Protein backbone atom coordinates (compact mmCIF):
# COMPACT_ATOMS: atom_id res chain seq x y z
CA MET A 1 -9.62 -22.19 9.90
CA ARG A 2 -11.42 -22.92 6.83
CA THR A 3 -9.33 -23.96 3.91
CA VAL A 4 -10.00 -23.67 0.43
CA SER A 5 -7.72 -24.29 -2.75
CA ILE A 6 -6.93 -21.11 -5.24
CA ARG A 7 -8.89 -22.91 -8.12
CA GLU A 8 -12.05 -23.05 -5.11
CA LEU A 9 -11.17 -19.37 -4.33
CA HIS A 10 -11.45 -18.61 -8.29
CA THR A 11 -14.80 -20.62 -9.03
CA ARG A 12 -16.69 -19.02 -5.77
CA THR A 13 -15.28 -16.14 -5.04
CA GLY A 14 -18.34 -13.89 -4.23
CA HIS A 15 -18.94 -16.90 -1.54
CA TYR A 16 -15.78 -17.23 -0.34
CA VAL A 17 -15.40 -13.38 0.71
CA ARG A 18 -18.91 -13.20 2.47
CA ALA A 19 -17.73 -16.46 4.50
CA ALA A 20 -14.31 -14.73 5.52
CA THR A 21 -16.70 -12.03 7.04
CA ARG A 22 -17.62 -14.62 9.63
CA GLN A 23 -14.16 -16.67 10.42
CA PRO A 24 -11.04 -16.31 8.65
CA ILE A 25 -9.79 -18.50 5.11
CA ALA A 26 -6.43 -19.91 4.58
CA VAL A 27 -5.94 -20.28 0.48
CA THR A 28 -4.04 -23.05 -0.28
CA GLU A 29 -1.97 -24.05 -3.53
CA ARG A 30 -1.06 -27.59 -4.13
CA GLY A 31 -1.30 -28.25 -0.35
CA THR A 32 0.58 -24.92 0.28
CA THR A 33 -0.90 -22.12 2.58
CA ILE A 34 -0.77 -18.93 0.08
CA ALA A 35 -3.20 -16.31 1.62
CA ARG A 36 -5.36 -15.73 4.00
CA LEU A 37 -8.61 -13.88 4.52
CA VAL A 38 -10.28 -12.74 7.52
CA PRO A 39 -12.89 -10.04 8.53
CA ALA A 40 -12.07 -6.55 7.90
CA THR A 41 -11.37 -4.26 11.28
CA GLU A 42 -13.89 -1.73 11.89
CA SER A 43 -11.41 0.79 11.99
CA PRO A 44 -8.19 1.96 10.02
CA PRO A 45 -4.95 1.02 11.31
CA PRO A 46 -3.10 4.10 12.85
CA PRO A 47 -0.55 6.04 10.08
CA ARG A 48 2.56 4.50 10.30
CA PHE A 49 4.38 7.96 9.45
CA LYS A 50 2.37 10.57 11.26
CA ASP A 51 4.40 10.57 14.47
CA ARG A 52 7.73 9.77 13.04
CA ALA A 53 10.45 12.29 13.65
CA LEU A 54 12.47 13.44 10.46
CA ARG A 55 16.37 12.41 10.31
CA PRO A 56 18.00 15.55 10.99
CA ALA A 57 19.69 15.60 7.62
CA PHE A 58 16.05 15.45 5.90
CA ARG A 59 15.16 18.61 8.18
CA ARG A 60 18.26 20.59 7.21
CA LEU A 61 17.25 20.10 3.43
CA LEU A 62 13.68 20.82 4.20
CA GLY A 63 14.98 24.33 6.00
CA ARG A 64 17.21 25.61 2.51
CA PRO A 65 15.52 27.54 0.53
CA HIS A 66 16.99 27.00 -2.94
CA LEU A 67 18.46 30.02 -4.55
CA GLY A 68 18.79 29.87 -8.54
CA THR A 69 17.79 29.84 -11.91
CA ASP A 70 14.62 30.35 -12.09
CA SER A 71 12.52 27.37 -13.75
CA GLY A 72 10.15 29.16 -16.06
CA GLN A 73 13.28 31.14 -17.36
CA LEU A 74 14.87 27.53 -18.00
CA ILE A 75 12.21 26.32 -20.05
CA SER A 76 11.80 29.23 -22.19
CA GLU A 77 15.32 28.86 -23.28
CA ASP A 78 15.07 25.52 -23.92
CA ARG A 79 12.27 26.02 -26.25
CA ASP A 80 14.41 28.55 -28.09
CA ARG A 81 16.66 25.73 -29.09
């Protein structure tokens, strides 16, 4: 893996971004790796929450209709104050 300082990356960003399409590049600050530039994947990662089940308590909240004062009426009353 190629290593580049953050200062050099700032100076030649375009060059290193293009180079990262071929191989990963480690970005360092004062000798410590702080980031990596890696080639983008062709396909996006699968959605993390698509198949996740809802917690039972949240599912119960979704099923309950909220009955009460009409929000339009509350806004009208607030404007009349």
